[in-house]
N, C-alpha and C. Protein backbone atom coordinates (compact mmCIF):
# COMPACT_ATOMS: atom_id res chain seq x y z
N UNK A 1 -17.06 -11.57 -6.74
CA UNK A 1 -15.69 -11.80 -7.16
C UNK A 1 -15.64 -12.18 -8.63
N UNK A 2 -14.60 -11.74 -9.30
CA UNK A 2 -14.39 -12.13 -10.69
C UNK A 2 -13.20 -13.07 -10.75
N UNK A 3 -13.42 -14.26 -11.30
CA UNK A 3 -12.39 -15.31 -11.33
C UNK A 3 -12.39 -15.95 -12.71
N UNK A 4 -11.20 -16.32 -13.18
CA UNK A 4 -11.07 -17.10 -14.41
C UNK A 4 -10.77 -18.54 -14.03
N UNK A 5 -11.62 -19.45 -14.47
CA UNK A 5 -11.52 -20.88 -14.14
C UNK A 5 -11.08 -21.63 -15.39
N UNK A 6 -10.03 -22.43 -15.28
CA UNK A 6 -9.50 -23.16 -16.43
C UNK A 6 -9.31 -24.62 -16.09
N UNK A 7 -9.87 -25.50 -16.92
CA UNK A 7 -9.62 -26.93 -16.82
C UNK A 7 -8.50 -27.28 -17.79
N UNK A 8 -7.42 -27.86 -17.28
CA UNK A 8 -6.32 -28.23 -18.18
C UNK A 8 -6.63 -29.50 -18.95
N UNK A 9 -7.40 -30.40 -18.34
CA UNK A 9 -7.86 -31.61 -19.04
C UNK A 9 -9.31 -31.87 -18.66
N UNK A 10 -10.04 -32.49 -19.58
CA UNK A 10 -11.44 -32.86 -19.33
C UNK A 10 -11.76 -34.09 -20.17
N UNK A 11 -12.28 -35.13 -19.51
CA UNK A 11 -12.58 -36.38 -20.20
C UNK A 11 -13.65 -36.22 -21.27
N UNK A 12 -13.67 -37.19 -22.16
CA UNK A 12 -14.60 -37.13 -23.30
C UNK A 12 -16.05 -37.15 -22.86
N UNK A 13 -16.35 -37.81 -21.74
CA UNK A 13 -17.74 -37.95 -21.29
C UNK A 13 -18.12 -36.92 -20.24
N UNK A 14 -17.30 -35.87 -20.08
CA UNK A 14 -17.61 -34.85 -19.08
C UNK A 14 -18.27 -33.63 -19.72
N UNK A 15 -18.96 -32.86 -18.87
CA UNK A 15 -19.58 -31.63 -19.33
C UNK A 15 -20.98 -31.82 -19.85
N UNK A 16 -21.76 -30.72 -19.82
CA UNK A 16 -21.42 -29.40 -19.29
C UNK A 16 -21.23 -29.44 -17.76
N UNK A 17 -20.95 -28.27 -17.17
CA UNK A 17 -20.57 -28.24 -15.76
C UNK A 17 -21.35 -27.19 -14.98
N UNK A 18 -21.61 -27.53 -13.73
CA UNK A 18 -22.10 -26.55 -12.77
C UNK A 18 -20.94 -26.16 -11.85
N UNK A 19 -20.94 -24.90 -11.40
CA UNK A 19 -19.86 -24.39 -10.57
C UNK A 19 -20.39 -24.00 -9.19
N UNK A 20 -19.68 -24.47 -8.15
CA UNK A 20 -20.09 -24.24 -6.77
C UNK A 20 -18.95 -23.60 -5.98
N UNK A 21 -19.30 -22.99 -4.85
CA UNK A 21 -18.32 -22.31 -4.01
C UNK A 21 -18.33 -22.85 -2.58
N UNK A 22 -17.13 -22.92 -1.99
CA UNK A 22 -17.07 -23.32 -0.58
C UNK A 22 -17.69 -22.26 0.33
N UNK A 23 -17.79 -21.02 -0.17
CA UNK A 23 -18.38 -19.94 0.64
C UNK A 23 -19.86 -20.18 0.89
N UNK A 24 -20.50 -20.99 0.05
CA UNK A 24 -21.92 -21.33 0.23
C UNK A 24 -22.08 -22.82 0.53
N UNK A 25 -20.98 -23.45 0.96
CA UNK A 25 -20.98 -24.88 1.32
C UNK A 25 -21.37 -25.76 0.14
N UNK A 26 -21.12 -25.28 -1.07
CA UNK A 26 -21.39 -26.04 -2.31
C UNK A 26 -22.87 -26.40 -2.45
N UNK A 27 -23.75 -25.59 -1.86
CA UNK A 27 -25.18 -25.92 -1.86
C UNK A 27 -25.89 -25.48 -3.12
N UNK A 28 -25.48 -24.35 -3.70
CA UNK A 28 -26.16 -23.88 -4.92
C UNK A 28 -25.12 -23.41 -5.92
N UNK A 29 -25.35 -23.72 -7.18
CA UNK A 29 -24.40 -23.36 -8.22
C UNK A 29 -24.49 -21.87 -8.52
N UNK A 30 -23.33 -21.23 -8.69
CA UNK A 30 -23.34 -19.82 -9.08
C UNK A 30 -23.29 -19.65 -10.59
N UNK A 31 -22.90 -20.72 -11.32
CA UNK A 31 -23.01 -20.76 -12.78
C UNK A 31 -23.41 -22.17 -13.16
N UNK A 32 -24.28 -22.30 -14.15
CA UNK A 32 -24.79 -23.62 -14.53
C UNK A 32 -24.59 -23.87 -16.02
N UNK A 33 -24.49 -25.18 -16.34
CA UNK A 33 -24.39 -25.63 -17.74
C UNK A 33 -23.29 -24.90 -18.51
N UNK A 34 -22.15 -24.77 -17.88
CA UNK A 34 -21.01 -24.13 -18.55
C UNK A 34 -20.38 -25.15 -19.50
N UNK A 35 -20.25 -24.83 -20.78
CA UNK A 35 -19.70 -25.79 -21.75
C UNK A 35 -18.25 -26.16 -21.43
N UNK A 36 -17.90 -27.38 -21.76
CA UNK A 36 -16.53 -27.84 -21.54
C UNK A 36 -15.55 -26.98 -22.32
N UNK A 37 -15.92 -26.59 -23.53
CA UNK A 37 -15.02 -25.77 -24.34
C UNK A 37 -14.71 -24.43 -23.68
N UNK A 38 -15.67 -23.88 -22.94
CA UNK A 38 -15.44 -22.61 -22.25
C UNK A 38 -14.44 -22.78 -21.12
N UNK A 39 -14.57 -23.88 -20.37
CA UNK A 39 -13.69 -24.10 -19.23
C UNK A 39 -12.27 -24.46 -19.67
N UNK A 40 -12.12 -25.19 -20.73
CA UNK A 40 -10.77 -25.54 -21.18
C UNK A 40 -10.07 -24.33 -21.81
N UNK A 41 -10.86 -23.37 -22.30
CA UNK A 41 -10.28 -22.16 -22.87
C UNK A 41 -10.00 -21.11 -21.80
N UNK A 42 -10.67 -21.25 -20.63
CA UNK A 42 -10.56 -20.25 -19.57
C UNK A 42 -11.86 -19.48 -19.46
N UNK A 43 -12.66 -19.83 -18.46
CA UNK A 43 -14.00 -19.25 -18.30
C UNK A 43 -13.96 -18.19 -17.20
N UNK A 44 -14.26 -16.94 -17.57
CA UNK A 44 -14.25 -15.84 -16.62
C UNK A 44 -15.68 -15.53 -16.18
N UNK A 45 -15.89 -15.48 -14.87
CA UNK A 45 -17.20 -15.19 -14.33
C UNK A 45 -17.10 -14.22 -13.17
N UNK A 46 -18.09 -13.36 -13.06
CA UNK A 46 -18.16 -12.40 -11.93
C UNK A 46 -19.21 -12.84 -10.92
N UNK A 47 -19.68 -14.07 -11.04
CA UNK A 47 -20.73 -14.57 -10.15
C UNK A 47 -20.19 -15.29 -8.92
N UNK A 48 -18.88 -15.36 -8.78
CA UNK A 48 -18.28 -16.11 -7.68
C UNK A 48 -18.58 -15.39 -6.36
N UNK A 49 -19.15 -16.09 -5.38
CA UNK A 49 -19.49 -15.43 -4.10
C UNK A 49 -18.25 -14.89 -3.38
N UNK A 50 -18.42 -13.78 -2.71
CA UNK A 50 -17.33 -13.19 -1.94
C UNK A 50 -16.85 -14.18 -0.89
N UNK A 51 -15.53 -14.23 -0.69
CA UNK A 51 -14.96 -15.12 0.30
C UNK A 51 -14.66 -16.52 -0.21
N UNK A 52 -14.87 -16.76 -1.49
CA UNK A 52 -14.60 -18.08 -2.05
C UNK A 52 -13.11 -18.38 -2.06
N UNK A 53 -12.76 -19.57 -1.56
CA UNK A 53 -11.36 -20.02 -1.64
C UNK A 53 -11.22 -21.29 -2.49
N UNK A 54 -12.34 -22.01 -2.66
CA UNK A 54 -12.34 -23.23 -3.48
C UNK A 54 -13.58 -23.22 -4.38
N UNK A 55 -13.37 -23.51 -5.67
CA UNK A 55 -14.48 -23.65 -6.61
C UNK A 55 -14.58 -25.13 -6.99
N UNK A 56 -15.79 -25.66 -6.85
CA UNK A 56 -16.05 -27.06 -7.21
C UNK A 56 -16.68 -27.10 -8.61
N UNK A 57 -16.01 -27.79 -9.52
CA UNK A 57 -16.49 -27.92 -10.89
C UNK A 57 -17.11 -29.31 -11.03
N UNK A 58 -18.43 -29.36 -11.24
CA UNK A 58 -19.19 -30.62 -11.24
C UNK A 58 -19.68 -30.93 -12.64
N UNK A 59 -19.30 -32.10 -13.16
CA UNK A 59 -19.73 -32.51 -14.48
C UNK A 59 -21.17 -33.02 -14.45
N UNK A 60 -21.95 -32.63 -15.45
CA UNK A 60 -23.34 -33.07 -15.58
C UNK A 60 -23.50 -34.11 -16.68
N UNK A 61 -22.40 -34.54 -17.29
CA UNK A 61 -22.45 -35.46 -18.41
C UNK A 61 -22.58 -36.90 -17.96
N UNK A 62 -22.23 -37.81 -18.89
CA UNK A 62 -22.26 -39.24 -18.57
C UNK A 62 -21.36 -39.52 -17.39
N UNK A 63 -20.19 -38.86 -17.40
CA UNK A 63 -19.25 -38.98 -16.27
C UNK A 63 -19.60 -37.89 -15.27
N UNK A 64 -20.24 -38.29 -14.15
CA UNK A 64 -20.65 -37.31 -13.14
C UNK A 64 -19.58 -37.27 -12.05
N UNK A 65 -18.60 -36.45 -12.29
CA UNK A 65 -17.46 -36.33 -11.38
C UNK A 65 -17.27 -34.86 -11.04
N UNK A 66 -16.37 -34.57 -10.14
CA UNK A 66 -16.10 -33.17 -9.84
C UNK A 66 -14.62 -32.99 -9.47
N UNK A 67 -14.18 -31.75 -9.55
CA UNK A 67 -12.84 -31.39 -9.14
C UNK A 67 -12.90 -30.08 -8.38
N UNK A 68 -12.10 -29.98 -7.31
CA UNK A 68 -12.04 -28.75 -6.51
C UNK A 68 -10.81 -27.95 -6.92
N UNK A 69 -11.03 -26.69 -7.26
CA UNK A 69 -9.95 -25.82 -7.73
C UNK A 69 -9.77 -24.68 -6.73
N UNK A 70 -8.57 -24.55 -6.13
CA UNK A 70 -8.34 -23.43 -5.21
C UNK A 70 -8.28 -22.11 -5.96
N UNK A 71 -8.79 -21.06 -5.32
CA UNK A 71 -8.78 -19.73 -5.90
C UNK A 71 -7.55 -19.00 -5.38
N UNK A 72 -6.73 -18.50 -6.30
CA UNK A 72 -5.56 -17.73 -5.90
C UNK A 72 -6.01 -16.44 -5.23
N UNK A 73 -5.51 -16.21 -4.03
CA UNK A 73 -5.87 -14.99 -3.31
C UNK A 73 -5.26 -13.78 -4.01
N UNK A 74 -6.04 -12.73 -4.23
CA UNK A 74 -5.48 -11.53 -4.86
C UNK A 74 -4.45 -10.87 -3.98
N UNK A 75 -3.44 -10.30 -4.59
CA UNK A 75 -2.41 -9.59 -3.84
C UNK A 75 -3.02 -8.32 -3.24
N UNK A 76 -2.83 -8.16 -1.94
CA UNK A 76 -3.33 -6.98 -1.27
C UNK A 76 -2.16 -6.05 -0.96
N UNK A 77 -2.15 -4.91 -1.63
CA UNK A 77 -1.07 -3.95 -1.43
C UNK A 77 -1.63 -2.61 -0.97
N UNK A 78 -0.86 -1.96 -0.10
CA UNK A 78 -1.20 -0.62 0.35
C UNK A 78 0.06 0.21 0.49
N UNK A 79 -0.12 1.52 0.48
CA UNK A 79 0.99 2.41 0.74
C UNK A 79 1.12 2.58 2.25
N UNK A 80 2.35 2.39 2.74
CA UNK A 80 2.61 2.47 4.18
C UNK A 80 3.58 3.59 4.48
N UNK A 81 3.41 4.17 5.67
CA UNK A 81 4.35 5.15 6.19
C UNK A 81 4.96 4.56 7.46
N UNK A 82 6.27 4.28 7.41
CA UNK A 82 6.98 3.75 8.57
C UNK A 82 7.73 4.90 9.24
N UNK A 83 7.64 5.00 10.57
CA UNK A 83 8.44 5.98 11.30
C UNK A 83 9.08 5.31 12.50
N UNK A 84 10.40 5.46 12.59
CA UNK A 84 11.16 4.84 13.66
C UNK A 84 10.93 5.56 14.98
N UNK A 85 11.17 4.83 16.06
CA UNK A 85 11.17 5.45 17.37
C UNK A 85 12.47 6.21 17.60
N UNK A 86 12.63 6.75 18.80
CA UNK A 86 13.81 7.57 19.11
C UNK A 86 14.98 6.70 19.54
N UNK A 87 15.42 5.83 18.65
CA UNK A 87 16.60 5.00 18.91
C UNK A 87 17.32 4.77 17.59
N UNK A 88 18.53 4.26 17.66
CA UNK A 88 19.36 4.15 16.47
C UNK A 88 19.04 2.92 15.62
N UNK A 89 18.65 1.83 16.24
CA UNK A 89 18.50 0.58 15.51
C UNK A 89 17.04 0.16 15.41
N UNK A 90 16.41 0.54 14.30
CA UNK A 90 15.04 0.16 14.02
C UNK A 90 14.98 -0.39 12.60
N UNK A 91 14.38 -1.55 12.43
CA UNK A 91 14.30 -2.17 11.11
C UNK A 91 12.87 -2.64 10.87
N UNK A 92 12.29 -2.23 9.74
CA UNK A 92 10.97 -2.70 9.32
C UNK A 92 11.15 -3.78 8.26
N UNK A 93 10.48 -4.90 8.44
CA UNK A 93 10.46 -5.97 7.44
C UNK A 93 9.09 -5.96 6.77
N UNK A 94 9.10 -5.95 5.45
CA UNK A 94 7.85 -5.90 4.69
C UNK A 94 8.03 -6.66 3.38
N UNK A 95 6.91 -7.01 2.75
CA UNK A 95 6.95 -7.69 1.45
C UNK A 95 6.67 -6.67 0.36
N UNK A 96 7.65 -6.43 -0.47
CA UNK A 96 7.57 -5.39 -1.49
C UNK A 96 6.59 -5.78 -2.59
N UNK A 97 5.67 -4.86 -2.91
CA UNK A 97 4.66 -5.18 -3.92
C UNK A 97 5.23 -5.24 -5.34
N UNK A 98 6.30 -4.52 -5.59
CA UNK A 98 6.88 -4.51 -6.93
C UNK A 98 7.61 -5.80 -7.24
N UNK A 99 8.22 -6.42 -6.22
CA UNK A 99 9.05 -7.61 -6.44
C UNK A 99 8.47 -8.88 -5.83
N UNK A 100 7.57 -8.73 -4.84
CA UNK A 100 7.05 -9.89 -4.13
C UNK A 100 8.06 -10.50 -3.18
N UNK A 101 9.12 -9.76 -2.89
CA UNK A 101 10.22 -10.27 -2.05
C UNK A 101 10.20 -9.58 -0.69
N UNK A 102 10.52 -10.34 0.35
CA UNK A 102 10.66 -9.73 1.67
C UNK A 102 11.83 -8.76 1.66
N UNK A 103 11.60 -7.57 2.17
CA UNK A 103 12.62 -6.54 2.17
C UNK A 103 12.70 -5.90 3.55
N UNK A 104 13.78 -5.19 3.79
CA UNK A 104 13.93 -4.48 5.06
C UNK A 104 14.33 -3.04 4.80
N UNK A 105 13.97 -2.17 5.71
CA UNK A 105 14.39 -0.77 5.64
C UNK A 105 14.85 -0.35 7.04
N UNK A 106 16.13 0.02 7.18
CA UNK A 106 16.62 0.48 8.49
C UNK A 106 16.27 1.95 8.69
N UNK A 107 15.85 2.29 9.89
CA UNK A 107 15.46 3.66 10.22
C UNK A 107 16.06 4.01 11.57
N UNK A 108 16.42 5.26 11.74
CA UNK A 108 17.02 5.67 13.00
C UNK A 108 16.46 7.01 13.47
N UNK A 109 16.27 7.12 14.77
CA UNK A 109 15.90 8.39 15.40
C UNK A 109 14.78 9.15 14.70
N UNK A 110 13.64 8.50 14.53
CA UNK A 110 12.47 9.17 13.97
C UNK A 110 12.41 9.26 12.47
N UNK A 111 13.35 8.63 11.75
CA UNK A 111 13.32 8.68 10.29
C UNK A 111 12.05 8.05 9.74
N UNK A 112 11.69 8.46 8.52
CA UNK A 112 10.44 8.03 7.90
C UNK A 112 10.73 7.40 6.54
N UNK A 113 9.98 6.36 6.20
CA UNK A 113 10.06 5.75 4.87
C UNK A 113 8.66 5.45 4.38
N UNK A 114 8.44 5.67 3.09
CA UNK A 114 7.14 5.38 2.46
C UNK A 114 7.34 4.21 1.51
N UNK A 115 6.56 3.15 1.66
CA UNK A 115 6.72 1.96 0.84
C UNK A 115 5.36 1.39 0.42
N UNK A 116 5.34 0.75 -0.75
CA UNK A 116 4.17 0.00 -1.21
C UNK A 116 4.41 -1.46 -0.82
N UNK A 117 3.58 -1.99 0.09
CA UNK A 117 3.85 -3.31 0.65
C UNK A 117 2.57 -4.14 0.73
N UNK A 118 2.78 -5.47 0.80
CA UNK A 118 1.66 -6.37 1.00
C UNK A 118 1.01 -6.04 2.34
N UNK A 119 -0.33 -6.12 2.37
CA UNK A 119 -1.05 -5.77 3.59
C UNK A 119 -1.90 -6.91 4.11
N UNK A 120 -1.72 -8.13 3.57
CA UNK A 120 -2.50 -9.25 4.08
C UNK A 120 -1.96 -9.69 5.43
N UNK A 121 -2.73 -10.50 6.14
CA UNK A 121 -2.40 -10.85 7.51
C UNK A 121 -1.08 -11.61 7.62
N UNK A 122 -0.68 -12.30 6.55
CA UNK A 122 0.55 -13.09 6.60
C UNK A 122 1.79 -12.27 6.25
N UNK A 123 1.62 -11.11 5.64
CA UNK A 123 2.77 -10.34 5.16
C UNK A 123 2.79 -8.91 5.67
N UNK A 124 1.95 -8.59 6.63
CA UNK A 124 1.84 -7.21 7.10
C UNK A 124 3.18 -6.72 7.64
N UNK A 125 3.58 -5.48 7.29
CA UNK A 125 4.88 -4.96 7.76
C UNK A 125 4.98 -4.97 9.28
N UNK A 126 6.21 -5.16 9.77
CA UNK A 126 6.43 -5.21 11.21
C UNK A 126 7.84 -4.73 11.53
N UNK A 127 7.99 -4.09 12.68
CA UNK A 127 9.32 -3.75 13.16
C UNK A 127 9.96 -5.02 13.72
N UNK A 128 10.95 -5.56 13.02
CA UNK A 128 11.63 -6.75 13.49
C UNK A 128 12.78 -6.40 14.43
N UNK A 129 13.20 -5.16 14.40
CA UNK A 129 14.19 -4.64 15.36
C UNK A 129 13.73 -3.26 15.79
N UNK A 130 13.83 -2.98 17.09
CA UNK A 130 13.42 -1.68 17.57
C UNK A 130 11.91 -1.50 17.54
N UNK A 131 11.50 -0.25 17.39
CA UNK A 131 10.07 0.04 17.43
C UNK A 131 9.78 1.32 16.64
N UNK A 132 8.50 1.57 16.46
CA UNK A 132 8.06 2.75 15.74
C UNK A 132 6.60 2.63 15.38
N UNK A 133 6.16 3.43 14.42
CA UNK A 133 4.76 3.40 13.99
C UNK A 133 4.66 2.96 12.54
N UNK A 134 3.59 2.26 12.23
CA UNK A 134 3.30 1.81 10.87
C UNK A 134 1.88 2.23 10.55
N UNK A 135 1.72 3.13 9.59
CA UNK A 135 0.40 3.64 9.21
C UNK A 135 0.13 3.35 7.74
N UNK A 136 -1.11 3.05 7.43
CA UNK A 136 -1.50 2.84 6.04
C UNK A 136 -2.00 4.15 5.45
N UNK A 137 -1.86 4.24 4.12
CA UNK A 137 -2.24 5.49 3.47
C UNK A 137 -3.01 5.24 2.17
N UNK A 138 -3.78 4.14 2.15
CA UNK A 138 -4.59 3.87 0.98
C UNK A 138 -3.85 3.09 -0.09
N UNK A 139 -4.42 3.04 -1.26
CA UNK A 139 -3.89 2.26 -2.36
C UNK A 139 -2.58 2.82 -2.89
N UNK A 140 -1.72 1.92 -3.31
CA UNK A 140 -0.45 2.34 -3.90
C UNK A 140 -0.70 3.06 -5.22
N UNK A 141 0.13 4.05 -5.49
CA UNK A 141 0.06 4.73 -6.78
C UNK A 141 -1.05 5.75 -6.90
N UNK A 142 -1.78 6.02 -5.82
CA UNK A 142 -2.83 7.02 -5.88
C UNK A 142 -2.23 8.41 -6.09
N UNK A 143 -2.72 9.12 -7.09
CA UNK A 143 -2.19 10.45 -7.38
C UNK A 143 -2.70 11.44 -6.34
N UNK A 144 -1.79 11.97 -5.53
CA UNK A 144 -2.20 12.88 -4.46
C UNK A 144 -1.64 14.29 -4.65
N UNK A 145 -0.68 14.46 -5.55
CA UNK A 145 -0.05 15.75 -5.66
C UNK A 145 0.86 15.99 -4.47
N UNK A 146 1.51 17.12 -4.42
CA UNK A 146 2.41 17.45 -3.32
C UNK A 146 1.96 18.73 -2.64
N UNK A 147 2.43 18.93 -1.43
CA UNK A 147 1.98 20.07 -0.62
C UNK A 147 3.14 21.02 -0.33
N UNK A 148 2.85 22.30 -0.37
CA UNK A 148 3.85 23.30 -0.05
C UNK A 148 3.67 23.76 1.39
N UNK A 149 4.75 23.73 2.16
CA UNK A 149 4.71 24.15 3.56
C UNK A 149 5.67 25.31 3.78
N UNK A 150 5.25 26.22 4.66
CA UNK A 150 6.10 27.31 5.10
C UNK A 150 6.63 26.96 6.48
N UNK A 151 7.96 26.84 6.59
CA UNK A 151 8.60 26.55 7.86
C UNK A 151 9.07 27.86 8.49
N UNK A 152 8.88 27.99 9.78
CA UNK A 152 9.26 29.22 10.47
C UNK A 152 9.93 28.88 11.79
N UNK A 153 11.14 29.41 11.99
CA UNK A 153 11.84 29.26 13.26
C UNK A 153 11.56 30.49 14.12
N UNK A 154 10.95 30.28 15.28
CA UNK A 154 10.59 31.40 16.13
C UNK A 154 11.83 32.21 16.54
N UNK A 155 11.70 33.54 16.61
CA UNK A 155 12.83 34.38 17.02
C UNK A 155 13.32 34.02 18.42
N UNK A 156 14.63 34.15 18.60
CA UNK A 156 15.27 33.91 19.90
C UNK A 156 15.11 32.47 20.36
N UNK A 157 14.82 31.56 19.42
CA UNK A 157 14.67 30.16 19.79
C UNK A 157 15.89 29.34 19.41
N UNK A 158 16.89 29.98 18.82
CA UNK A 158 18.10 29.26 18.44
C UNK A 158 17.95 28.45 17.16
N UNK A 159 16.94 28.77 16.34
CA UNK A 159 16.73 28.04 15.10
C UNK A 159 15.87 26.80 15.31
N UNK A 160 15.51 26.14 14.23
CA UNK A 160 14.64 24.96 14.31
C UNK A 160 15.00 23.98 13.20
N UNK A 161 14.80 22.71 13.48
CA UNK A 161 15.02 21.65 12.50
C UNK A 161 13.71 20.91 12.27
N UNK A 162 13.40 20.67 11.00
CA UNK A 162 12.16 20.01 10.63
C UNK A 162 12.46 18.73 9.85
N UNK A 163 11.60 17.75 10.00
CA UNK A 163 11.69 16.50 9.25
C UNK A 163 10.52 16.42 8.28
N UNK A 164 10.80 16.04 7.02
CA UNK A 164 9.72 15.87 6.04
C UNK A 164 10.17 14.90 4.95
N UNK A 165 9.21 14.43 4.16
CA UNK A 165 9.49 13.57 3.01
C UNK A 165 9.35 14.43 1.76
N UNK A 166 10.44 14.69 1.02
CA UNK A 166 10.36 15.55 -0.15
C UNK A 166 9.38 15.00 -1.20
N UNK A 167 8.80 15.92 -1.94
CA UNK A 167 7.89 15.55 -3.03
C UNK A 167 8.59 14.57 -3.98
N UNK A 168 7.92 13.46 -4.31
CA UNK A 168 8.48 12.49 -5.23
C UNK A 168 9.48 11.54 -4.62
N UNK A 169 9.71 11.65 -3.30
CA UNK A 169 10.68 10.79 -2.64
C UNK A 169 9.97 9.84 -1.69
N UNK A 170 10.71 8.87 -1.16
CA UNK A 170 10.13 7.89 -0.25
C UNK A 170 10.86 7.82 1.09
N UNK A 171 11.81 8.71 1.31
CA UNK A 171 12.55 8.72 2.57
C UNK A 171 12.62 10.15 3.10
N UNK A 172 12.64 10.27 4.42
CA UNK A 172 12.62 11.60 5.04
C UNK A 172 14.00 12.25 5.03
N UNK A 173 13.99 13.56 5.08
CA UNK A 173 15.20 14.36 5.24
C UNK A 173 14.92 15.39 6.34
N UNK A 174 15.98 16.05 6.79
CA UNK A 174 15.82 17.11 7.78
C UNK A 174 16.39 18.41 7.22
N UNK A 175 15.72 19.51 7.56
CA UNK A 175 16.16 20.82 7.11
C UNK A 175 16.19 21.77 8.31
N UNK A 176 17.24 22.56 8.39
CA UNK A 176 17.37 23.51 9.49
C UNK A 176 17.03 24.91 9.01
N UNK A 177 16.31 25.65 9.85
CA UNK A 177 15.93 27.02 9.55
C UNK A 177 16.54 27.91 10.63
N UNK A 178 17.24 28.94 10.20
CA UNK A 178 17.92 29.82 11.15
C UNK A 178 16.93 30.63 11.98
N UNK A 179 17.38 31.09 13.12
CA UNK A 179 16.58 31.85 14.08
C UNK A 179 15.84 33.01 13.39
N UNK A 180 14.50 33.00 13.47
CA UNK A 180 13.69 34.06 12.91
C UNK A 180 13.46 33.98 11.42
N UNK A 181 13.97 32.94 10.76
CA UNK A 181 13.84 32.82 9.31
C UNK A 181 12.69 31.90 8.91
N UNK A 182 12.38 31.94 7.61
CA UNK A 182 11.39 31.03 7.04
C UNK A 182 12.03 30.24 5.91
N UNK A 183 11.38 29.13 5.57
CA UNK A 183 11.82 28.30 4.46
C UNK A 183 10.57 27.68 3.83
N UNK A 184 10.57 27.54 2.52
CA UNK A 184 9.44 26.93 1.81
C UNK A 184 9.88 25.58 1.27
N UNK A 185 9.12 24.53 1.59
CA UNK A 185 9.46 23.19 1.13
C UNK A 185 8.28 22.57 0.37
N UNK A 186 8.59 21.60 -0.46
CA UNK A 186 7.58 20.84 -1.20
C UNK A 186 7.59 19.42 -0.66
N UNK A 187 6.50 18.97 -0.09
CA UNK A 187 6.50 17.71 0.63
C UNK A 187 5.57 16.67 0.00
N UNK A 188 5.92 15.41 0.26
CA UNK A 188 5.02 14.30 -0.02
C UNK A 188 3.86 14.40 0.97
N UNK A 189 2.61 14.44 0.50
CA UNK A 189 1.48 14.72 1.41
C UNK A 189 1.17 13.58 2.38
N UNK A 190 1.82 12.42 2.23
CA UNK A 190 1.52 11.32 3.13
C UNK A 190 2.12 11.53 4.52
N UNK A 191 3.02 12.53 4.64
CA UNK A 191 3.66 12.76 5.93
C UNK A 191 3.73 14.26 6.19
N UNK A 192 3.12 14.72 7.27
CA UNK A 192 3.13 16.14 7.63
C UNK A 192 4.48 16.49 8.26
N UNK A 193 5.12 17.56 7.82
CA UNK A 193 6.42 17.95 8.39
C UNK A 193 6.37 18.03 9.92
N UNK A 194 7.45 17.55 10.54
CA UNK A 194 7.54 17.53 12.00
C UNK A 194 8.66 18.44 12.49
N UNK A 195 8.43 19.07 13.63
CA UNK A 195 9.48 19.84 14.30
C UNK A 195 10.34 18.85 15.08
N UNK A 196 11.65 18.84 14.78
CA UNK A 196 12.56 17.90 15.43
C UNK A 196 13.27 18.55 16.61
N UNK A 197 13.83 19.74 16.38
CA UNK A 197 14.50 20.47 17.46
C UNK A 197 14.16 21.95 17.36
N UNK A 198 14.32 22.66 18.46
CA UNK A 198 14.06 24.09 18.48
C UNK A 198 12.59 24.41 18.58
N UNK A 199 12.27 25.68 18.31
CA UNK A 199 10.88 26.15 18.34
C UNK A 199 10.52 26.71 16.98
N UNK A 200 9.39 26.28 16.47
CA UNK A 200 8.97 26.77 15.16
C UNK A 200 7.64 26.19 14.76
N UNK A 201 7.24 26.46 13.53
CA UNK A 201 5.95 25.98 13.03
C UNK A 201 6.08 25.58 11.57
N UNK A 202 5.21 24.66 11.16
CA UNK A 202 5.11 24.23 9.77
C UNK A 202 3.67 24.46 9.33
N UNK A 203 3.46 25.34 8.36
CA UNK A 203 2.12 25.73 7.95
C UNK A 203 1.87 25.36 6.50
N UNK A 204 0.80 24.64 6.26
CA UNK A 204 0.42 24.30 4.89
C UNK A 204 -0.05 25.56 4.18
N UNK A 205 0.59 25.92 3.08
CA UNK A 205 0.21 27.13 2.35
C UNK A 205 -1.02 26.91 1.49
N UNK A 206 -1.48 25.63 1.45
CA UNK A 206 -2.64 25.26 0.63
C UNK A 206 -2.37 25.49 -0.85
N UNK A 207 -1.09 25.45 -1.20
CA UNK A 207 -0.68 25.58 -2.60
C UNK A 207 0.00 24.30 -3.04
N UNK A 208 -0.32 23.85 -4.22
CA UNK A 208 0.34 22.68 -4.76
C UNK A 208 1.78 23.00 -5.15
N UNK A 209 2.57 21.97 -5.34
CA UNK A 209 3.95 22.17 -5.77
C UNK A 209 4.41 20.91 -6.48
N UNK A 210 5.62 20.92 -6.96
CA UNK A 210 6.17 19.77 -7.69
C UNK A 210 7.62 19.60 -7.32
N UNK A 211 8.23 18.54 -7.88
CA UNK A 211 9.63 18.26 -7.58
C UNK A 211 10.55 19.36 -8.09
N UNK A 212 10.05 20.24 -8.96
CA UNK A 212 10.88 21.33 -9.47
C UNK A 212 10.81 22.56 -8.59
N UNK A 213 9.92 22.54 -7.57
CA UNK A 213 9.81 23.68 -6.68
C UNK A 213 11.09 23.83 -5.86
N UNK A 214 11.61 25.03 -5.79
CA UNK A 214 12.84 25.26 -5.02
C UNK A 214 12.50 25.86 -3.67
N UNK A 215 13.38 25.62 -2.70
CA UNK A 215 13.16 26.19 -1.38
C UNK A 215 13.74 27.58 -1.32
N UNK A 216 13.20 28.39 -0.43
CA UNK A 216 13.70 29.75 -0.29
C UNK A 216 13.66 30.14 1.17
N UNK A 217 14.55 31.04 1.57
CA UNK A 217 14.60 31.49 2.95
C UNK A 217 14.53 33.00 3.02
N UNK A 218 14.00 33.50 4.14
CA UNK A 218 13.97 34.93 4.36
C UNK A 218 13.85 35.19 5.84
N UNK A 219 13.93 36.44 6.22
CA UNK A 219 13.78 36.82 7.62
C UNK A 219 12.43 37.47 7.86
N UNK A 220 11.52 37.32 6.89
CA UNK A 220 10.19 37.91 7.04
C UNK A 220 9.35 37.06 8.00
N UNK A 221 8.76 37.71 8.98
CA UNK A 221 7.91 36.99 9.92
C UNK A 221 6.57 36.68 9.27
N UNK A 222 6.16 35.39 9.27
CA UNK A 222 4.87 35.02 8.64
C UNK A 222 3.73 35.73 9.32
N UNK A 223 2.66 36.01 8.60
CA UNK A 223 1.49 36.65 9.20
C UNK A 223 0.80 35.73 10.18
């Protein structure tokens, strides 16, 4: 772990200092003879044992005293995909990584939302009303590009409706394809397009796309 340790005050007879961790029961110092001037200026070290929550700063000077300093837990954020169950009233409560504030997102009848949220045990997203699925998708802000899908409504099936998250967006939309027709969409790759009603298929064209990609329809049957 890399931590910056700062002493706001230090007596005249203190220092240099040895640094200990609660992760090792304070048995062996991970840094030794650290000058007082370094600690009062802010001493950064990468020697802190994993799992440390308290650092003990022990003076080796005339004044042999110590102080315990809690380590601020790093913010744990991940990209999440929330999908509501098949009911009207579903609400996910999560802690937004951009603001650090508890937020809610209402979802209905299978709707999808993509959010960057705290993922620690105390702030993990949860359906506070209704039910659904909550999936993680790795680190926030990871560049994944977008995916192009070909939607096809099978002939004589009465058309088909698909749900997807548009490229560059964080909420799902639905698109209808007429009987026997095709449509090309550009999707956020964190969520694979779903068939909502009717009979049809969604096929990844294995081609990248962008928010400027336009959709198109035709009556050509896909190969």
